[in-house]
Protein backbone atom coordinates (compact mmCIF):
# COMPACT_ATOMS: atom_id res chain seq x y z
CA MET A 1 -19.39 -20.91 -23.57
CA VAL A 2 -20.08 -23.82 -25.88
CA GLY A 3 -17.91 -26.90 -25.63
CA PRO A 4 -15.38 -28.37 -28.08
CA ASP A 5 -18.06 -30.59 -29.66
CA PHE A 6 -20.20 -27.60 -30.67
CA ASP A 7 -21.20 -27.71 -34.33
CA GLY A 8 -23.51 -25.06 -35.72
CA THR A 9 -25.52 -22.35 -34.04
CA LEU A 10 -27.80 -22.22 -31.03
CA THR A 11 -31.41 -21.09 -31.06
CA GLU A 12 -32.35 -17.81 -29.41
CA ASP A 13 -33.83 -19.62 -26.42
CA GLU A 14 -30.67 -21.70 -26.04
CA VAL A 15 -28.48 -18.60 -26.10
CA ARG A 16 -30.54 -16.91 -23.41
CA ARG A 17 -30.57 -20.05 -21.26
CA GLN A 18 -26.80 -20.32 -21.54
CA VAL A 19 -26.42 -16.71 -20.40
CA SER A 20 -28.72 -17.19 -17.41
CA SER A 21 -26.90 -20.36 -16.34
CA ALA A 22 -23.37 -19.15 -17.13
CA ARG A 23 -20.82 -19.77 -14.42
CA ARG A 24 -18.69 -16.77 -15.45
CA ILE A 25 -20.16 -13.66 -17.08
CA VAL A 26 -18.37 -10.62 -18.44
CA VAL A 27 -20.62 -7.54 -18.36
CA LYS A 28 -19.70 -4.33 -20.17
CA VAL A 29 -21.52 -1.07 -19.48
CA GLY A 30 -21.12 2.11 -21.51
CA SER A 31 -20.54 5.68 -20.34
CA SER A 32 -23.95 6.91 -21.43
CA SER A 33 -25.61 4.30 -19.20
CA LEU A 34 -23.86 5.60 -16.08
CA SER A 35 -23.46 9.34 -16.47
CA SER A 36 -24.08 12.47 -18.50
CA ALA A 37 -21.91 15.38 -19.53
CA SER A 38 -24.05 17.82 -17.55
CA SER A 39 -24.25 16.02 -14.21
CA GLY A 40 -21.49 13.41 -14.17
CA ILE A 41 -22.12 10.03 -12.56
CA ASP A 42 -25.78 9.18 -12.07
CA ASP A 43 -25.95 7.38 -8.72
CA ASP A 44 -29.36 5.88 -9.46
CA ARG A 45 -28.12 4.28 -12.69
CA VAL A 46 -25.00 2.92 -11.02
CA ALA A 47 -27.06 1.60 -8.10
CA ALA A 48 -29.45 -0.23 -10.43
CA LEU A 49 -26.53 -1.88 -12.24
CA VAL A 50 -24.83 -2.82 -8.98
CA ASP A 51 -28.06 -4.35 -7.70
CA ALA A 52 -28.40 -6.56 -10.78
CA LEU A 53 -24.77 -7.69 -10.69
CA ALA A 54 -24.76 -8.23 -6.93
CA HIS A 55 -27.84 -10.43 -7.24
CA ALA A 56 -26.12 -12.53 -9.92
CA HIS A 57 -22.94 -12.71 -7.82
CA ASP A 58 -24.90 -13.86 -4.77
CA ALA A 59 -26.54 -16.53 -6.92
CA GLY A 60 -23.13 -18.07 -7.59
CA HIS A 61 -22.06 -16.43 -10.86
CA ASP A 62 -18.54 -15.08 -11.34
CA ILE A 63 -18.96 -11.48 -12.52
CA VAL A 64 -16.35 -9.43 -14.37
CA LEU A 65 -17.42 -5.83 -14.98
CA ILE A 66 -15.96 -3.79 -17.83
CA SER A 67 -17.00 -0.26 -17.00
CA SER A 68 -16.64 2.80 -19.14
CA GLY A 69 -17.39 6.13 -17.51
CA ALA A 70 -14.09 7.46 -16.19
CA ILE A 71 -13.85 10.24 -18.78
CA ALA A 72 -17.57 10.99 -18.52
CA ALA A 73 -17.35 11.12 -14.73
CA GLY A 74 -14.55 13.67 -14.94
CA LEU A 75 -16.31 16.07 -17.30
CA SER A 76 -18.55 17.85 -14.80
CA PRO A 77 -15.88 18.35 -12.10
CA LEU A 78 -13.60 19.87 -14.74
CA GLY A 79 -16.34 22.10 -16.14
CA LEU A 80 -16.38 20.34 -19.51
CA ARG A 81 -19.71 20.15 -21.32
CA ARG A 82 -18.85 17.41 -23.81
CA ARG A 83 -16.33 14.61 -24.17
CA PRO A 84 -13.10 16.32 -25.38
CA ARG A 85 -11.75 15.40 -28.77
CA ASP A 86 -8.07 15.88 -27.94
CA LEU A 87 -6.22 13.17 -26.06
CA ALA A 88 -4.74 15.43 -23.38
CA HIS A 89 -8.14 16.62 -22.12
CA GLN A 90 -9.55 13.07 -22.34
CA GLN A 91 -6.72 11.84 -20.15
CA ALA A 92 -7.21 14.70 -17.69
CA ALA A 93 -10.89 13.84 -17.42
CA ALA A 94 -10.07 10.15 -16.98
CA ALA A 95 -7.56 10.95 -14.23
CA VAL A 96 -10.23 12.85 -12.29
CA GLY A 97 -13.15 10.58 -13.10
CA GLN A 98 -11.61 7.13 -12.57
CA GLY A 99 -11.32 7.65 -8.82
CA LEU A 100 -14.88 8.96 -8.60
CA LEU A 101 -16.22 6.00 -10.56
CA ILE A 102 -14.43 3.28 -8.61
CA GLN A 103 -15.42 5.00 -5.34
CA ARG A 104 -19.10 4.64 -6.28
CA TYR A 105 -18.68 0.98 -7.20
CA THR A 106 -16.73 0.24 -4.02
CA GLU A 107 -19.32 1.85 -1.76
CA MET A 108 -22.33 0.31 -3.47
CA PHE A 109 -20.95 -3.22 -3.76
CA ASN A 110 -19.61 -3.06 -0.20
CA ALA A 111 -23.14 -2.30 0.96
CA ARG A 112 -24.04 -5.72 -0.47
CA GLY A 113 -21.05 -7.39 1.20
CA ILE A 114 -19.09 -7.69 -2.04
CA LEU A 115 -15.51 -6.54 -2.64
CA VAL A 116 -14.45 -5.01 -5.95
CA GLY A 117 -10.96 -4.66 -7.37
CA GLN A 118 -9.95 -2.02 -9.90
CA VAL A 119 -8.01 -3.32 -12.91
CA LEU A 120 -6.78 -0.80 -15.50
CA LEU A 121 -5.51 -2.38 -18.71
CA THR A 122 -3.50 -1.10 -21.64
CA VAL A 123 -3.25 -2.67 -25.09
CA ASP A 124 0.11 -4.17 -24.13
CA ASP A 125 -1.57 -6.05 -21.29
CA VAL A 126 -3.51 -8.18 -23.73
CA THR A 127 -1.33 -8.06 -26.85
CA ARG A 128 1.99 -9.16 -25.34
CA GLN A 129 1.90 -12.78 -24.31
CA SER A 130 3.82 -12.30 -21.05
CA ASN A 131 1.58 -9.40 -19.97
CA TYR A 132 -1.46 -11.39 -21.06
CA ALA A 133 -0.47 -14.21 -18.73
CA ASN A 134 0.04 -11.76 -15.87
CA ALA A 135 -3.40 -10.20 -16.40
CA LEU A 136 -4.95 -13.67 -16.46
CA ARG A 137 -3.34 -14.62 -13.14
CA THR A 138 -4.52 -11.40 -11.49
CA LEU A 139 -8.10 -11.75 -12.70
CA GLY A 140 -8.21 -15.44 -11.85
CA THR A 141 -7.03 -14.77 -8.31
CA LEU A 142 -9.60 -12.02 -7.78
CA LEU A 143 -12.43 -14.24 -9.00
CA ARG A 144 -11.36 -17.19 -6.84
CA MET A 145 -11.43 -14.85 -3.83
CA GLY A 146 -14.99 -13.75 -4.61
CA VAL A 147 -13.98 -10.26 -5.77
CA ILE A 148 -15.69 -8.56 -8.72
CA PRO A 149 -12.99 -7.09 -10.99
CA VAL A 150 -13.94 -3.66 -12.35
CA ILE A 151 -11.94 -3.20 -15.54
CA ASN A 152 -11.38 -0.14 -17.70
CA GLU A 153 -8.82 0.90 -20.26
CA ASN A 154 -6.05 2.91 -18.64
CA ASP A 155 -7.01 6.10 -20.47
CA THR A 156 -4.55 8.25 -18.51
CA VAL A 157 -1.51 6.61 -20.17
CA ALA A 158 -2.88 5.31 -23.48
CA THR A 159 -2.00 7.04 -26.73
CA HIS A 160 -3.96 7.28 -29.96
CA GLU A 161 -1.63 4.72 -31.53
CA ILE A 162 -1.82 2.13 -28.76
CA ARG A 163 -5.30 1.92 -27.31
CA PHE A 164 -8.41 -0.18 -27.59
CA GLY A 165 -10.44 2.90 -28.49
CA ASP A 166 -13.56 1.59 -26.79
CA ASN A 167 -14.45 -0.89 -24.09
CA ASP A 168 -16.60 -3.11 -26.32
CA ARG A 169 -13.54 -4.74 -27.90
CA LEU A 170 -11.81 -4.83 -24.53
CA ALA A 171 -14.81 -6.68 -23.06
CA ALA A 172 -14.71 -9.33 -25.79
CA LEU A 173 -10.98 -9.84 -25.30
CA VAL A 174 -11.39 -10.10 -21.53
CA ALA A 175 -14.21 -12.60 -22.04
CA GLN A 176 -11.77 -14.78 -23.95
CA LEU A 177 -9.03 -14.18 -21.41
CA VAL A 178 -11.07 -15.36 -18.40
CA ARG A 179 -12.84 -18.15 -20.32
CA ALA A 180 -16.22 -16.53 -19.78
CA ASP A 181 -19.38 -18.48 -20.45
CA ALA A 182 -21.29 -15.38 -21.58
CA LEU A 183 -20.75 -11.75 -22.60
CA VAL A 184 -23.34 -9.05 -21.91
CA LEU A 185 -22.99 -5.65 -23.61
CA LEU A 186 -25.09 -2.99 -21.88
CA SER A 187 -25.78 0.32 -23.58
CA ASP A 188 -28.40 3.06 -23.78
CA ILE A 189 -30.31 1.34 -26.59
CA ASP A 190 -32.57 -1.66 -26.15
CA ALA A 191 -31.38 -3.84 -29.05
CA LEU A 192 -29.63 -4.02 -32.39
CA TYR A 193 -31.68 -2.42 -35.18
CA THR A 194 -31.64 -2.82 -38.93
CA ALA A 195 -30.69 0.88 -39.09
CA HIS A 196 -30.37 3.68 -36.56
CA PRO A 197 -33.37 3.46 -34.18
CA GLU A 198 -34.47 6.97 -35.19
CA GLU A 199 -34.87 5.93 -38.83
CA PRO A 200 -38.58 5.41 -39.68
CA ASP A 201 -38.12 1.95 -41.21
CA SER A 202 -35.72 0.66 -38.57
CA GLU A 203 -36.67 -2.61 -36.86
CA ALA A 204 -35.29 -4.33 -33.79
CA ILE A 205 -33.37 -7.58 -34.28
CA THR A 206 -33.86 -9.98 -31.38
CA PHE A 207 -31.61 -12.82 -32.57
CA VAL A 208 -28.48 -13.08 -34.72
CA PRO A 209 -27.52 -16.68 -35.55
CA ASP A 210 -24.28 -15.65 -37.32
CA VAL A 211 -22.91 -12.15 -36.80
CA GLU A 212 -20.46 -12.55 -39.70
CA GLU A 213 -23.41 -12.74 -42.12
CA LEU A 214 -25.25 -9.78 -40.60
CA GLU A 215 -26.04 -6.75 -42.77
CA VAL A 216 -27.17 -3.65 -40.89
CA ASP A 217 -26.53 0.09 -41.10
CA THR A 218 -24.25 1.18 -38.22
CA HIS A 219 -22.81 4.41 -39.63
CA ARG A 220 -24.24 6.76 -37.01
CA THR A 221 -22.26 7.33 -33.81
CA GLY A 222 -23.22 7.12 -30.16
CA SER A 223 -23.82 9.64 -27.42
CA ALA A 224 -21.97 12.78 -26.40
CA VAL A 225 -20.21 11.06 -23.51
CA GLY A 226 -19.39 7.67 -25.01
CA SER A 227 -16.71 6.61 -27.47
CA GLY A 228 -18.32 3.56 -29.00
CA GLY A 229 -21.25 2.90 -31.30
CA MET A 230 -23.05 -0.07 -32.76
CA THR A 231 -20.10 -0.92 -35.02
CA THR A 232 -17.83 -1.56 -32.06
CA LYS A 233 -20.49 -3.66 -30.35
CA LEU A 234 -20.88 -5.85 -33.42
CA GLN A 235 -17.10 -6.24 -33.58
CA ALA A 236 -17.13 -7.31 -29.95
CA ALA A 237 -19.93 -9.78 -30.64
CA GLN A 238 -17.96 -11.23 -33.54
CA ILE A 239 -14.84 -11.70 -31.40
CA ALA A 240 -16.82 -13.32 -28.59
CA THR A 241 -19.06 -15.57 -30.66
CA SER A 242 -16.11 -16.76 -32.75
CA ALA A 243 -14.65 -17.99 -29.45
CA GLY A 244 -17.82 -19.89 -28.57
CA ILE A 245 -19.18 -17.27 -26.17
CA PRO A 246 -22.95 -16.47 -26.29
CA THR A 247 -23.48 -12.70 -26.31
CA ILE A 248 -26.38 -10.39 -25.44
CA LEU A 249 -26.71 -6.71 -26.36
CA ALA A 250 -29.30 -4.82 -24.31
CA ASN A 251 -30.21 -1.63 -22.50
CA ALA A 252 -28.49 -1.23 -19.13
CA VAL A 253 -31.86 -0.78 -17.43
CA ASP A 254 -32.65 -4.37 -18.45
CA ALA A 255 -29.52 -5.89 -16.88
CA SER A 256 -31.50 -8.02 -14.43
CA GLU A 257 -33.75 -9.28 -17.22
CA VAL A 258 -30.76 -10.26 -19.36
CA LEU A 259 -29.05 -12.14 -16.53
CA ALA A 260 -32.31 -13.97 -15.82
CA GLY A 261 -32.49 -15.16 -19.44
CA ARG A 262 -35.58 -13.18 -20.36
CA PRO A 263 -36.24 -12.10 -23.99
CA VAL A 264 -34.80 -8.58 -24.00
CA GLY A 265 -32.16 -7.08 -26.26
CA THR A 266 -30.42 -8.96 -29.05
CA ALA A 267 -29.00 -12.45 -28.60
CA PHE A 268 -25.96 -13.53 -30.65
CA SER A 269 -25.32 -17.23 -31.11
CA PRO A 270 -21.77 -18.62 -30.94
CA ILE A 271 -20.46 -19.34 -34.42
CA ASP A 272 -17.50 -21.49 -33.50
CA ARG A 273 -16.43 -23.98 -30.86
CA ARG A 274 -14.14 -23.25 -27.95
CA ARG A 275 -10.48 -22.94 -28.95
CA PRO A 276 -7.26 -23.01 -26.92
CA ARG A 277 -6.70 -19.70 -25.13
CA ARG A 278 -3.38 -19.18 -26.92
CA LEU A 279 -5.06 -19.31 -30.33
CA LEU A 280 -7.79 -16.89 -29.23
CA TRP A 281 -5.11 -14.49 -28.06
CA LEU A 282 -3.28 -14.94 -31.35
CA ALA A 283 -6.39 -14.30 -33.41
CA HIS A 284 -7.91 -11.32 -31.66
CA ALA A 285 -5.49 -9.75 -29.20
CA SER A 286 -1.99 -10.12 -30.59
CA LEU A 287 -0.05 -7.54 -32.59
CA ALA A 288 2.14 -8.90 -35.38
CA ARG A 289 5.83 -8.14 -34.78
CA GLY A 290 6.84 -8.92 -38.35
CA GLU A 291 5.94 -10.53 -41.67
CA LEU A 292 6.90 -13.74 -43.41
CA HIS A 293 6.31 -13.54 -47.17
CA LEU A 294 5.40 -16.89 -48.73
CA ASP A 295 5.53 -18.38 -52.20
CA ALA A 296 2.35 -19.75 -53.79
CA GLY A 297 3.13 -23.33 -52.76
CA ALA A 298 3.49 -22.38 -49.11
CA VAL A 299 0.22 -20.45 -49.25
CA ARG A 300 -1.58 -23.54 -50.54
CA ALA A 301 0.05 -25.75 -47.92
CA VAL A 302 -0.96 -23.47 -45.05
CA THR A 303 -4.48 -22.61 -46.23
CA LYS A 304 -5.59 -25.79 -48.00
CA ARG A 305 -3.68 -28.62 -46.33
CA ASN A 306 -3.53 -27.31 -42.77
CA ALA A 307 0.24 -27.67 -42.94
CA SER A 308 2.95 -26.00 -40.89
CA LEU A 309 5.08 -23.30 -42.49
CA LEU A 310 8.57 -24.44 -43.44
CA ALA A 311 11.55 -22.28 -44.36
CA ALA A 312 11.49 -23.61 -47.93
CA GLY A 313 8.29 -21.69 -48.65
CA ILE A 314 9.42 -18.29 -47.31
CA THR A 315 10.74 -15.71 -49.77
CA ARG A 316 11.28 -12.65 -47.54
CA VAL A 317 11.34 -11.64 -43.88
CA GLU A 318 10.32 -8.24 -42.50
CA GLY A 319 10.32 -6.92 -38.93
CA ASP A 320 12.32 -7.29 -35.74
CA PHE A 321 10.99 -10.23 -33.75
CA VAL A 322 12.19 -13.09 -31.59
CA ALA A 323 11.13 -16.70 -31.33
CA GLY A 324 7.63 -16.91 -29.85
CA ASP A 325 6.43 -13.59 -31.26
CA PRO A 326 3.30 -13.31 -33.46
CA VAL A 327 4.02 -12.73 -37.16
CA ASP A 328 1.78 -12.35 -40.19
CA LEU A 329 2.07 -14.79 -43.08
CA VAL A 330 1.77 -12.87 -46.34
CA ALA A 331 0.85 -14.18 -49.80
CA PRO A 332 2.65 -13.09 -53.00
CA ASN A 333 -0.09 -10.50 -53.67
CA GLY A 334 0.69 -8.76 -50.37
CA GLU A 335 -2.38 -10.03 -48.51
CA ALA A 336 -1.95 -11.38 -44.99
CA ILE A 337 -3.42 -14.89 -44.94
CA ALA A 338 -2.60 -16.02 -41.40
CA ARG A 339 -0.91 -15.14 -38.11
CA GLY A 340 1.30 -17.51 -36.18
CA LEU A 341 3.91 -17.82 -33.46
CA VAL A 342 7.33 -17.99 -35.05
CA ASN A 343 9.97 -20.47 -33.83
CA PHE A 344 13.03 -18.45 -34.87
CA ASP A 345 14.43 -14.95 -34.38
CA ALA A 346 14.24 -12.53 -37.31
CA GLY A 347 18.03 -12.57 -37.58
CA GLN A 348 18.13 -16.36 -38.02
CA LEU A 349 15.64 -16.65 -40.86
CA PRO A 350 17.28 -14.97 -43.89
CA ALA A 351 19.97 -17.68 -44.13
CA MET A 352 17.26 -20.35 -43.92
CA LEU A 353 14.98 -19.18 -46.72
CA GLY A 354 14.27 -21.62 -49.53
CA ARG A 355 16.02 -24.54 -47.82
CA ASN A 356 14.33 -27.78 -46.85
CA SER A 357 14.58 -29.27 -43.37
CA HIS A 358 17.35 -31.73 -44.24
CA GLU A 359 19.53 -28.99 -45.73
CA LEU A 360 18.99 -26.83 -42.65
CA ALA A 361 19.96 -29.67 -40.32
CA ALA A 362 23.10 -30.42 -42.32
CA THR A 363 24.17 -26.77 -42.44
CA PHE A 364 23.11 -25.38 -39.03
CA GLY A 365 22.38 -28.40 -36.84
CA VAL A 366 19.41 -30.57 -35.92
CA GLU A 367 17.77 -27.78 -33.90
CA TYR A 368 16.98 -26.06 -37.23
CA GLU A 369 15.12 -29.13 -38.55
CA ARG A 370 11.72 -27.86 -37.42
CA GLU A 371 8.82 -25.74 -38.61
CA VAL A 372 9.14 -21.96 -38.79
CA VAL A 373 5.48 -21.75 -37.67
CA HIS A 374 3.78 -24.91 -36.44
CA ARG A 375 0.22 -25.48 -37.63
CA ASP A 376 -1.00 -25.71 -34.02
CA ALA A 377 0.27 -22.16 -33.39
CA LEU A 378 -1.31 -20.63 -36.49
CA MET A 379 -4.65 -18.98 -37.23
CA LEU A 380 -5.94 -18.39 -40.75
CA LEU A 381 -7.47 -15.12 -41.86
CA ASN A 382 -10.78 -15.42 -43.65
CA HIS A 383 -11.83 -13.50 -46.77
CA VAL A 384 -13.32 -10.55 -44.89
CA GLY A 385 -10.26 -9.79 -42.83
CA GLY A 386 -11.10 -11.72 -39.69
CA PHE A 387 -9.71 -14.93 -38.27
CA SER A 388 -11.22 -18.32 -39.02
């Protein structure tokens, strides 16, 4: 991860060197790299991945593994030929396959003298601040004890409405959570291409200096056993690089090459400096619990002058939230312009709207003479719908 003085992008060679020398690396591997619908888990593929990660672990790197494959591993035992489309059958497959998958990892890493710990996460575990802190403590303890956490979404309890949907985004969020120095996304393709690799004019892209300015065709989906595609991997790269984390996308068979810093796959340069963990959570992992609608003057103050949000600039409050919850700041045209941690409960705010700090102190007491959202607990949305 680049430091707070980072300004600009790294070269491709610099990105690869940072990955090879990273103290803490988050590695994500997709279902199609570990298994198939016809035969379930492929022991040879898992063994090759374990060998690469064990070698890096023995060399002194902290390794966090985000592993898909639970649903894919459960297909064959259940007699299913393809990944089910309905949630109930996906969860049944995950319930059967998760145990099989972690058993393989446990046996193979143990053969190298390395302990693994299974960590199943839900959206709430990284979108609620209290749960987020608990997950951080658990992962930090495992890493300090030399254990490799093996993380997956808890597919058996997730619903369509509250789930990550793929492990690419989860990997990027975990990389932020554990303050990783690098993110490696392993798949069944060898790099990012200008279009689908099967297209005749498609060309491999070895280096992306700024993922937010990238223009490629990612409309085609992935394999029969996976849930993600190139779109989700680019979203993950954007989340990670915006947090100052160098990222590599490569084929799982090249895992050792990637970790050694060799020129395989696609390297993504960080596009921003390291930020406080709370702001990274706010930007990429939080769910807004309500909305604060602003007048034009408040919008200018927040977006142009880097000012805190005061009650005088709020015209309407929506949602049921308490002090400390994330809320969206909404412009008069209905567009969300920022997200921040609110200092008051939803029930307190309506009586405060349009009043300046002195009026609030005189009416309600000095504890009301403060910002509704402080500028240090606020992240702006950029013009393309991401955080800046």
